[in-house]
Amino acid sequence: MRGDREPAEVAARIGKGPGAYRHYETSERLPSASDLEVLLNWYGRPERVPFFRDLLEAAKRGTDWWRSMPAAPPSWFDLYLGLESAAARISGFDAQLVPGLLQCAEYTEAVYLGGVHPLTDTELATAVELRMARQVIIERSDPPQIWCVLDETALNREVGGPGVMGPQLDRLAKLTELPHVEIQILRHSAGAHAGVEGTFVILDYPTDDFEGDPGTAYVETLEGGIYYETSEAVRKYRRVFERLQVQAEKPRESAELIRKARDRYK
């Protein structure tokens, strides 16, 4: 979004140092509404001011619940937590693991323990607590529609061993019974598929508040989160997701595959 303007030049426009501007640019910190308006006008995109102002408010509404946690989540994840809380529909493809919203606590702990970044006991407990807290949206009176295409690899990869996979598959099986949760399994026999480039999430927001908005595509990397919000970029991810829905087993057959996978751990 910066174009050919230097960070110092743009930061000066909003009366802040280059460091503060970089936090905005990398989504490590949310800008104020006034800074947002100045920046979008500076970039020659005044027509996007109403959309981003609404998006900012939605994100901020969604952040309140984790502010009271003993340790804050990574700064770059703040924006995603707010957008996830505000979403009306969450669609995603996971190539290796059960996605965070669908994990049980034991599985989450095993995922973190197997990661590349060592955590102290306190950091581990906080990370698990945060992931479990995110799942409250599934139980809301107005929950988002959640549609997950999950590679069959996730059913077979013994994250944490049999003692963890049993409870995790139990959770997946129960989630398939909820009317607002759809899980499709992408079988190994599907061969090459649309999601070969990896895991992603598409967030759609309530149409009453975000009429005409294309949504947000989110990809997480080792360095942080990447957000795509242009119509063209989000449309590409939608096409991939729609293709994956066709290539994966139907929800009913997928639920049976999950139950059969669970039977291996009895």
C-alpha atoms as a PDB file:
ATOM      1  CA  MET A   1       0.000   0.000   0.000  1.00  0.00           C
ATOM      2  CA  ARG A   2       2.924   2.383   0.569  1.00  0.00           C
ATOM      3  CA  GLY A   3       3.804   2.860  -3.094  1.00  0.00           C
ATOM      4  CA  ASP A   4       6.926   4.941  -3.658  1.00  0.00           C
ATOM      5  CA  ARG A   5       6.643   7.000  -0.462  1.00  0.00           C
ATOM      6  CA  GLU A   6       9.346   6.543   2.169  1.00  0.00           C
ATOM      7  CA  PRO A   7       8.277   5.528   5.719  1.00  0.00           C
ATOM      8  CA  ALA A   8       9.694   8.738   7.202  1.00  0.00           C
ATOM      9  CA  GLU A   9       7.650  10.841   4.775  1.00  0.00           C
ATOM     10  CA  VAL A  10       4.425   8.997   5.535  1.00  0.00           C
ATOM     11  CA  ALA A  11       5.087   8.954   9.290  1.00  0.00           C
ATOM     12  CA  ALA A  12       5.630  12.707   9.231  1.00  0.00           C
ATOM     13  CA  ARG A  13       2.232  13.124   7.615  1.00  0.00           C
ATOM     14  CA  ILE A  14       0.563  11.647  10.715  1.00  0.00           C
ATOM     15  CA  GLY A  15       2.988  13.282  13.154  1.00  0.00           C
ATOM     16  CA  LYS A  16       4.631  10.029  14.268  1.00  0.00           C
ATOM     17  CA  GLY A  17       8.042   8.421  13.960  1.00  0.00           C
ATOM     18  CA  PRO A  18       8.877   5.831  11.262  1.00  0.00           C
ATOM     19  CA  GLY A  19       8.727   3.065  13.884  1.00  0.00           C
ATOM     20  CA  ALA A  20       5.064   3.740  14.650  1.00  0.00           C
ATOM     21  CA  TYR A  21       4.240   3.800  10.952  1.00  0.00           C
ATOM     22  CA  ARG A  22       5.970   0.458  10.396  1.00  0.00           C
ATOM     23  CA  HIS A  23       3.802  -1.081  13.134  1.00  0.00           C
ATOM     24  CA  TYR A  24       0.736   0.004  11.139  1.00  0.00           C
ATOM     25  CA  GLU A  25       2.195  -1.298   7.908  1.00  0.00           C
ATOM     26  CA  THR A  26       2.932  -4.754   9.314  1.00  0.00           C
ATOM     27  CA  SER A  27      -0.377  -4.949  11.260  1.00  0.00           C
ATOM     28  CA  GLU A  28       1.465  -5.071  14.592  1.00  0.00           C
ATOM     29  CA  ARG A  29      -0.634  -2.187  15.870  1.00  0.00           C
ATOM     30  CA  LEU A  30      -4.003  -0.736  14.900  1.00  0.00           C
ATOM     31  CA  PRO A  31      -3.966   2.906  13.735  1.00  0.00           C
ATOM     32  CA  SER A  32      -6.306   5.489  15.216  1.00  0.00           C
ATOM     33  CA  ALA A  33      -9.326   6.460  13.135  1.00  0.00           C
ATOM     34  CA  SER A  34      -7.810   9.899  12.450  1.00  0.00           C
ATOM     35  CA  ASP A  35      -4.474   8.416  11.332  1.00  0.00           C
ATOM     36  CA  LEU A  36      -6.341   5.955   9.154  1.00  0.00           C
ATOM     37  CA  GLU A  37      -8.214   8.718   7.343  1.00  0.00           C
ATOM     38  CA  VAL A  38      -5.077  10.812   6.844  1.00  0.00           C
ATOM     39  CA  LEU A  39      -3.123   7.850   5.474  1.00  0.00           C
ATOM     40  CA  LEU A  40      -5.789   6.691   3.043  1.00  0.00           C
ATOM     41  CA  ASN A  41      -6.208  10.203   1.685  1.00  0.00           C
ATOM     42  CA  TRP A  42      -2.411  10.493   1.446  1.00  0.00           C
ATOM     43  CA  TYR A  43      -2.312   7.263  -0.551  1.00  0.00           C
ATOM     44  CA  GLY A  44      -4.993   8.554  -2.901  1.00  0.00           C
ATOM     45  CA  ARG A  45      -7.643   6.073  -1.668  1.00  0.00           C
ATOM     46  CA  PRO A  46     -10.247   8.296   0.040  1.00  0.00           C
ATOM     47  CA  GLU A  47     -13.063   6.013  -1.125  1.00  0.00           C
ATOM     48  CA  ARG A  48     -11.720   3.299   1.234  1.00  0.00           C
ATOM     49  CA  VAL A  49     -12.028   5.462   4.361  1.00  0.00           C
ATOM     50  CA  PRO A  50     -15.568   4.299   5.335  1.00  0.00           C
ATOM     51  CA  PHE A  51     -14.697   0.633   4.855  1.00  0.00           C
ATOM     52  CA  PHE A  52     -11.481   0.772   6.871  1.00  0.00           C
ATOM     53  CA  ARG A  53     -13.123   2.844   9.603  1.00  0.00           C
ATOM     54  CA  ASP A  54     -15.823   0.170   9.993  1.00  0.00           C
ATOM     55  CA  LEU A  55     -13.204  -2.574   9.868  1.00  0.00           C
ATOM     56  CA  LEU A  56     -11.157  -0.840  12.544  1.00  0.00           C
ATOM     57  CA  GLU A  57     -14.168  -0.548  14.823  1.00  0.00           C
ATOM     58  CA  ALA A  58     -15.054  -4.209  14.303  1.00  0.00           C
ATOM     59  CA  ALA A  59     -11.502  -5.264  15.084  1.00  0.00           C
ATOM     60  CA  LYS A  60     -11.417  -3.161  18.219  1.00  0.00           C
ATOM     61  CA  ARG A  61     -14.750  -4.543  19.391  1.00  0.00           C
ATOM     62  CA  GLY A  62     -13.308  -8.017  19.041  1.00  0.00           C
ATOM     63  CA  THR A  63     -10.095  -7.348  20.985  1.00  0.00           C
ATOM     64  CA  ASP A  64     -11.560  -6.593  24.408  1.00  0.00           C
ATOM     65  CA  TRP A  65     -11.853 -10.168  25.607  1.00  0.00           C
ATOM     66  CA  TRP A  66      -8.129 -10.990  25.534  1.00  0.00           C
ATOM     67  CA  ARG A  67      -6.877  -7.743  27.093  1.00  0.00           C
ATOM     68  CA  SER A  68      -7.369  -9.180  30.586  1.00  0.00           C
ATOM     69  CA  MET A  69      -5.191 -12.222  29.928  1.00  0.00           C
ATOM     70  CA  PRO A  70      -2.038 -12.565  32.089  1.00  0.00           C
ATOM     71  CA  ALA A  71       0.233 -12.211  29.044  1.00  0.00           C
ATOM     72  CA  ALA A  72      -0.635 -10.466  25.800  1.00  0.00           C
ATOM     73  CA  PRO A  73      -0.703 -12.436  22.522  1.00  0.00           C
ATOM     74  CA  PRO A  74       1.865 -11.529  19.851  1.00  0.00           C
ATOM     75  CA  SER A  75       1.289  -7.937  18.728  1.00  0.00           C
ATOM     76  CA  TRP A  76       1.015  -8.960  15.070  1.00  0.00           C
ATOM     77  CA  PHE A  77      -1.918 -11.266  15.960  1.00  0.00           C
ATOM     78  CA  ASP A  78      -4.068  -8.510  17.491  1.00  0.00           C
ATOM     79  CA  LEU A  79      -5.713  -7.556  14.229  1.00  0.00           C
ATOM     80  CA  TYR A  80      -6.588 -11.140  13.339  1.00  0.00           C
ATOM     81  CA  LEU A  81      -8.219 -11.763  16.718  1.00  0.00           C
ATOM     82  CA  GLY A  82     -10.413  -8.716  16.250  1.00  0.00           C
ATOM     83  CA  LEU A  83     -11.386  -9.619  12.697  1.00  0.00           C
ATOM     84  CA  GLU A  84     -12.107 -13.240  13.649  1.00  0.00           C
ATOM     85  CA  SER A  85     -14.404 -12.080  16.446  1.00  0.00           C
ATOM     86  CA  ALA A  86     -16.268  -9.785  14.052  1.00  0.00           C
ATOM     87  CA  ALA A  87     -16.584 -12.296  11.190  1.00  0.00           C
ATOM     88  CA  ALA A  88     -19.921 -13.706  10.070  1.00  0.00           C
ATOM     89  CA  ARG A  89     -18.248 -16.523   8.138  1.00  0.00           C
ATOM     90  CA  ILE A  90     -14.839 -18.152   8.537  1.00  0.00           C
ATOM     91  CA  SER A  91     -13.689 -20.414   5.713  1.00  0.00           C
ATOM     92  CA  GLY A  92     -10.329 -22.115   5.712  1.00  0.00           C
ATOM     93  CA  PHE A  93      -8.094 -24.811   4.357  1.00  0.00           C
ATOM     94  CA  ASP A  94      -5.568 -26.593   6.569  1.00  0.00           C
ATOM     95  CA  ALA A  95      -2.940 -28.739   4.940  1.00  0.00           C
ATOM     96  CA  GLN A  96      -1.274 -30.406   7.951  1.00  0.00           C
ATOM     97  CA  LEU A  97      -3.018 -29.791  11.276  1.00  0.00           C
ATOM     98  CA  VAL A  98      -6.474 -29.323  12.750  1.00  0.00           C
ATOM     99  CA  PRO A  99      -7.100 -25.531  12.709  1.00  0.00           C
ATOM    100  CA  GLY A 100      -6.907 -23.606  15.976  1.00  0.00           C
ATOM    101  CA  LEU A 101     -10.655 -22.962  16.280  1.00  0.00           C
ATOM    102  CA  LEU A 102     -11.313 -26.716  16.182  1.00  0.00           C
ATOM    103  CA  GLN A 103      -8.497 -27.928  18.454  1.00  0.00           C
ATOM    104  CA  CYS A 104      -8.830 -29.428  21.912  1.00  0.00           C
ATOM    105  CA  ALA A 105      -6.466 -28.144  24.614  1.00  0.00           C
ATOM    106  CA  GLU A 106      -4.229 -31.224  24.609  1.00  0.00           C
ATOM    107  CA  TYR A 107      -3.756 -30.988  20.848  1.00  0.00           C
ATOM    108  CA  THR A 108      -2.955 -27.268  21.049  1.00  0.00           C
ATOM    109  CA  GLU A 109      -0.323 -27.909  23.709  1.00  0.00           C
ATOM    110  CA  ALA A 110       1.270 -30.650  21.606  1.00  0.00           C
ATOM    111  CA  VAL A 111       1.350 -28.363  18.553  1.00  0.00           C
ATOM    112  CA  TYR A 112       3.184 -25.657  20.487  1.00  0.00           C
ATOM    113  CA  LEU A 113       5.601 -28.139  22.047  1.00  0.00           C
ATOM    114  CA  GLY A 114       6.483 -29.391  18.580  1.00  0.00           C
ATOM    115  CA  GLY A 115       7.039 -25.887  17.209  1.00  0.00           C
ATOM    116  CA  VAL A 116      10.325 -24.198  16.354  1.00  0.00           C
ATOM    117  CA  HIS A 117      10.057 -21.580  19.113  1.00  0.00           C
ATOM    118  CA  PRO A 118      10.673 -22.939  22.646  1.00  0.00           C
ATOM    119  CA  LEU A 119       8.155 -21.713  25.230  1.00  0.00           C
ATOM    120  CA  THR A 120       8.353 -21.454  28.986  1.00  0.00           C
ATOM    121  CA  ASP A 121       5.632 -23.192  30.986  1.00  0.00           C
ATOM    122  CA  THR A 122       3.921 -19.841  31.503  1.00  0.00           C
ATOM    123  CA  GLU A 123       4.084 -18.936  27.814  1.00  0.00           C
ATOM    124  CA  LEU A 124       2.755 -22.345  26.867  1.00  0.00           C
ATOM    125  CA  ALA A 125      -0.162 -22.091  29.299  1.00  0.00           C
ATOM    126  CA  THR A 126      -1.021 -18.617  27.986  1.00  0.00           C
ATOM    127  CA  ALA A 127      -0.852 -19.734  24.352  1.00  0.00           C
ATOM    128  CA  VAL A 128      -3.208 -22.648  25.039  1.00  0.00           C
ATOM    129  CA  GLU A 129      -5.553 -20.405  27.036  1.00  0.00           C
ATOM    130  CA  LEU A 130      -5.721 -17.902  24.192  1.00  0.00           C
ATOM    131  CA  ARG A 131      -6.556 -20.552  21.623  1.00  0.00           C
ATOM    132  CA  MET A 132      -9.273 -22.021  23.814  1.00  0.00           C
ATOM    133  CA  ALA A 133     -10.700 -18.549  24.482  1.00  0.00           C
ATOM    134  CA  ARG A 134     -11.004 -17.925  20.742  1.00  0.00           C
ATOM    135  CA  GLN A 135     -13.344 -20.898  20.472  1.00  0.00           C
ATOM    136  CA  VAL A 136     -16.047 -19.110  22.466  1.00  0.00           C
ATOM    137  CA  ILE A 137     -17.314 -17.678  19.167  1.00  0.00           C
ATOM    138  CA  ILE A 138     -18.483 -21.166  18.175  1.00  0.00           C
ATOM    139  CA  GLU A 139     -20.838 -21.207  21.168  1.00  0.00           C
ATOM    140  CA  ARG A 140     -22.207 -17.666  20.778  1.00  0.00           C
ATOM    141  CA  SER A 141     -25.924 -17.131  20.264  1.00  0.00           C
ATOM    142  CA  ASP A 142     -24.986 -15.633  16.879  1.00  0.00           C
ATOM    143  CA  PRO A 143     -21.987 -17.783  15.903  1.00  0.00           C
ATOM    144  CA  PRO A 144     -20.179 -17.354  12.610  1.00  0.00           C
ATOM    145  CA  GLN A 145     -20.610 -19.958   9.896  1.00  0.00           C
ATOM    146  CA  ILE A 146     -17.432 -22.033   9.966  1.00  0.00           C
ATOM    147  CA  TRP A 147     -16.436 -24.079   6.933  1.00  0.00           C
ATOM    148  CA  CYS A 148     -13.186 -26.022   7.089  1.00  0.00           C
ATOM    149  CA  VAL A 149     -11.580 -28.136   4.389  1.00  0.00           C
ATOM    150  CA  LEU A 150      -9.062 -30.319   6.185  1.00  0.00           C
ATOM    151  CA  ASP A 151      -6.428 -32.450   4.521  1.00  0.00           C
ATOM    152  CA  GLU A 152      -6.673 -36.132   5.491  1.00  0.00           C
ATOM    153  CA  THR A 153      -3.099 -35.819   6.744  1.00  0.00           C
ATOM    154  CA  ALA A 154      -4.444 -34.098   9.865  1.00  0.00           C
ATOM    155  CA  LEU A 155      -6.481 -37.196  10.785  1.00  0.00           C
ATOM    156  CA  ASN A 156      -3.436 -39.448  10.494  1.00  0.00           C
ATOM    157  CA  ARG A 157      -0.676 -37.277  11.937  1.00  0.00           C
ATOM    158  CA  GLU A 158      -0.355 -38.341  15.609  1.00  0.00           C
ATOM    159  CA  VAL A 159       0.146 -34.928  17.178  1.00  0.00           C
ATOM    160  CA  GLY A 160       0.867 -35.635  20.838  1.00  0.00           C
ATOM    161  CA  GLY A 161       0.378 -39.375  20.348  1.00  0.00           C
ATOM    162  CA  PRO A 162      -2.736 -41.584  20.632  1.00  0.00           C
ATOM    163  CA  GLY A 163      -3.711 -40.088  24.006  1.00  0.00           C
ATOM    164  CA  VAL A 164      -4.113 -36.686  22.375  1.00  0.00           C
ATOM    165  CA  MET A 165      -5.519 -37.751  19.019  1.00  0.00           C
ATOM    166  CA  GLY A 166      -8.468 -39.531  20.653  1.00  0.00           C
ATOM    167  CA  PRO A 167      -9.860 -36.399  22.351  1.00  0.00           C
ATOM    168  CA  GLN A 168      -9.084 -34.292  19.292  1.00  0.00           C
ATOM    169  CA  LEU A 169     -11.013 -36.539  16.953  1.00  0.00           C
ATOM    170  CA  ASP A 170     -13.850 -36.659  19.482  1.00  0.00           C
ATOM    171  CA  ARG A 171     -13.998 -32.881  19.327  1.00  0.00           C
ATOM    172  CA  LEU A 172     -14.049 -32.862  15.526  1.00  0.00           C
ATOM    173  CA  ALA A 173     -16.844 -35.436  15.506  1.00  0.00           C
ATOM    174  CA  LYS A 174     -18.954 -33.332  17.889  1.00  0.00           C
ATOM    175  CA  LEU A 175     -18.344 -30.185  15.872  1.00  0.00           C
ATOM    176  CA  THR A 176     -19.689 -31.857  12.726  1.00  0.00           C
ATOM    177  CA  GLU A 177     -23.050 -32.099  14.500  1.00  0.00           C
ATOM    178  CA  LEU A 178     -23.372 -28.312  14.864  1.00  0.00           C
ATOM    179  CA  PRO A 179     -25.530 -26.611  12.203  1.00  0.00           C
ATOM    180  CA  HIS A 180     -23.074 -23.736  11.734  1.00  0.00           C
ATOM    181  CA  VAL A 181     -19.941 -25.890  11.359  1.00  0.00           C
ATOM    182  CA  GLU A 182     -19.069 -27.776   8.179  1.00  0.00           C
ATOM    183  CA  ILE A 183     -15.948 -29.927   7.933  1.00  0.00           C
ATOM    184  CA  GLN A 184     -14.807 -31.562   4.706  1.00  0.00           C
ATOM    185  CA  ILE A 185     -11.910 -33.994   4.497  1.00  0.00           C
ATOM    186  CA  LEU A 186      -9.648 -33.832   1.462  1.00  0.00           C
ATOM    187  CA  ARG A 187      -8.667 -37.449   0.835  1.00  0.00           C
ATOM    188  CA  HIS A 188      -5.150 -38.432  -0.172  1.00  0.00           C
ATOM    189  CA  SER A 189      -6.754 -40.123  -3.164  1.00  0.00           C
ATOM    190  CA  ALA A 190      -7.779 -36.665  -4.444  1.00  0.00           C
ATOM    191  CA  GLY A 191      -4.200 -36.327  -5.669  1.00  0.00           C
ATOM    192  CA  ALA A 192      -2.935 -32.895  -6.689  1.00  0.00           C
ATOM    193  CA  HIS A 193      -5.367 -30.280  -5.446  1.00  0.00           C
ATOM    194  CA  ALA A 194      -6.119 -26.559  -5.419  1.00  0.00           C
ATOM    195  CA  GLY A 195      -4.577 -25.945  -2.006  1.00  0.00           C
ATOM    196  CA  VAL A 196      -1.033 -27.069  -2.832  1.00  0.00           C
ATOM    197  CA  GLU A 197       0.371 -23.692  -1.739  1.00  0.00           C
ATOM    198  CA  GLY A 198      -0.756 -24.128   1.849  1.00  0.00           C
ATOM    199  CA  THR A 199      -3.075 -23.096   4.642  1.00  0.00           C
ATOM    200  CA  PHE A 200      -5.244 -19.960   4.534  1.00  0.00           C
ATOM    201  CA  VAL A 201      -8.376 -18.415   6.053  1.00  0.00           C
ATOM    202  CA  ILE A 202     -11.062 -16.236   4.452  1.00  0.00           C
ATOM    203  CA  LEU A 203     -13.008 -13.922   6.757  1.00  0.00           C
ATOM    204  CA  ASP A 204     -16.374 -12.473   5.698  1.00  0.00           C
ATOM    205  CA  TYR A 205     -18.128  -9.799   7.735  1.00  0.00           C
ATOM    206  CA  PRO A 206     -21.823  -9.085   8.398  1.00  0.00           C
ATOM    207  CA  THR A 207     -23.413  -7.644   5.258  1.00  0.00           C
ATOM    208  CA  ASP A 208     -25.380  -5.069   7.271  1.00  0.00           C
ATOM    209  CA  ASP A 209     -22.125  -3.464   8.407  1.00  0.00           C
ATOM    210  CA  PHE A 210     -19.890  -4.252   5.427  1.00  0.00           C
ATOM    211  CA  GLU A 211     -22.096  -4.195   2.355  1.00  0.00           C
ATOM    212  CA  GLY A 212     -20.040  -4.759  -0.775  1.00  0.00           C
ATOM    213  CA  ASP A 213     -16.896  -5.633   1.182  1.00  0.00           C
ATOM    214  CA  PRO A 214     -14.773  -8.394  -0.422  1.00  0.00           C
ATOM    215  CA  GLY A 215     -13.667  -9.856   2.935  1.00  0.00           C
ATOM    216  CA  THR A 216     -10.145 -10.633   4.088  1.00  0.00           C
ATOM    217  CA  ALA A 217      -7.824 -13.497   3.182  1.00  0.00           C
ATOM    218  CA  TYR A 218      -5.283 -14.292   5.897  1.00  0.00           C
ATOM    219  CA  VAL A 219      -2.091 -16.325   5.636  1.00  0.00           C
ATOM    220  CA  GLU A 220       0.148 -16.955   8.638  1.00  0.00           C
ATOM    221  CA  THR A 221       3.915 -17.275   8.271  1.00  0.00           C
ATOM    222  CA  LEU A 222       6.860 -17.697  10.641  1.00  0.00           C
ATOM    223  CA  GLU A 223       7.272 -13.923  10.622  1.00  0.00           C
ATOM    224  CA  GLY A 224       3.641 -13.029  11.293  1.00  0.00           C
ATOM    225  CA  GLY A 225       0.320 -12.668   9.507  1.00  0.00           C
ATOM    226  CA  ILE A 226      -0.322 -11.435   5.966  1.00  0.00           C
ATOM    227  CA  TYR A 227      -3.672  -9.821   5.173  1.00  0.00           C
ATOM    228  CA  TYR A 228      -5.157  -9.515   1.681  1.00  0.00           C
ATOM    229  CA  GLU A 229      -8.196  -7.257   1.329  1.00  0.00           C
ATOM    230  CA  THR A 230      -8.396  -6.248  -2.329  1.00  0.00           C
ATOM    231  CA  SER A 231     -11.257  -7.753  -4.311  1.00  0.00           C
ATOM    232  CA  GLU A 232      -8.868  -9.407  -6.746  1.00  0.00           C
ATOM    233  CA  ALA A 233      -6.696 -11.035  -4.082  1.00  0.00           C
ATOM    234  CA  VAL A 234      -9.620 -12.298  -2.002  1.00  0.00           C
ATOM    235  CA  ARG A 235     -11.331 -13.573  -5.143  1.00  0.00           C
ATOM    236  CA  LYS A 236      -8.293 -15.760  -5.892  1.00  0.00           C
ATOM    237  CA  TYR A 237      -8.484 -17.374  -2.468  1.00  0.00           C
ATOM    238  CA  ARG A 238     -12.228 -17.884  -2.842  1.00  0.00           C
ATOM    239  CA  ARG A 239     -11.693 -19.698  -6.132  1.00  0.00           C
ATOM    240  CA  VAL A 240      -9.144 -21.972  -4.484  1.00  0.00           C
ATOM    241  CA  PHE A 241     -11.484 -22.665  -1.556  1.00  0.00           C
ATOM    242  CA  GLU A 242     -14.439 -23.397  -3.826  1.00  0.00           C
ATOM    243  CA  ARG A 243     -12.310 -25.814  -5.816  1.00  0.00           C
ATOM    244  CA  LEU A 244     -11.220 -27.529  -2.602  1.00  0.00           C
ATOM    245  CA  GLN A 245     -14.862 -27.909  -1.570  1.00  0.00           C
ATOM    246  CA  VAL A 246     -15.477 -29.781  -4.818  1.00  0.00           C
ATOM    247  CA  GLN A 247     -12.384 -31.963  -4.453  1.00  0.00           C
ATOM    248  CA  ALA A 248     -13.018 -32.861  -0.790  1.00  0.00           C
ATOM    249  CA  GLU A 249     -15.511 -35.371   0.538  1.00  0.00           C
ATOM    250  CA  LYS A 250     -18.997 -34.056   1.342  1.00  0.00           C
ATOM    251  CA  PRO A 251     -19.613 -33.087   4.998  1.00  0.00           C
ATOM    252  CA  ARG A 252     -21.608 -36.257   5.778  1.00  0.00           C
ATOM    253  CA  GLU A 253     -18.957 -38.565   4.334  1.00  0.00           C
ATOM    254  CA  SER A 254     -16.257 -36.494   6.032  1.00  0.00           C
ATOM    255  CA  ALA A 255     -17.938 -36.952   9.419  1.00  0.00           C
ATOM    256  CA  GLU A 256     -17.799 -40.708   8.851  1.00  0.00           C
ATOM    257  CA  LEU A 257     -14.095 -40.506   8.008  1.00  0.00           C
ATOM    258  CA  ILE A 258     -13.503 -38.640  11.276  1.00  0.00           C
ATOM    259  CA  ARG A 259     -15.386 -41.315  13.244  1.00  0.00           C
ATOM    260  CA  LYS A 260     -13.391 -44.091  11.566  1.00  0.00           C
ATOM    261  CA  ALA A 261     -10.148 -42.293  12.369  1.00  0.00           C
ATOM    262  CA  ARG A 262     -11.293 -42.041  15.991  1.00  0.00           C
ATOM    263  CA  ASP A 263     -11.899 -45.787  16.127  1.00  0.00           C
ATOM    264  CA  ARG A 264      -8.184 -46.375  15.644  1.00  0.00           C
ATOM    265  CA  TYR A 265      -7.508 -44.876  19.067  1.00  0.00           C
ATOM    266  CA  LYS A 266      -9.995 -46.865  21.162  1.00  0.00           C
END
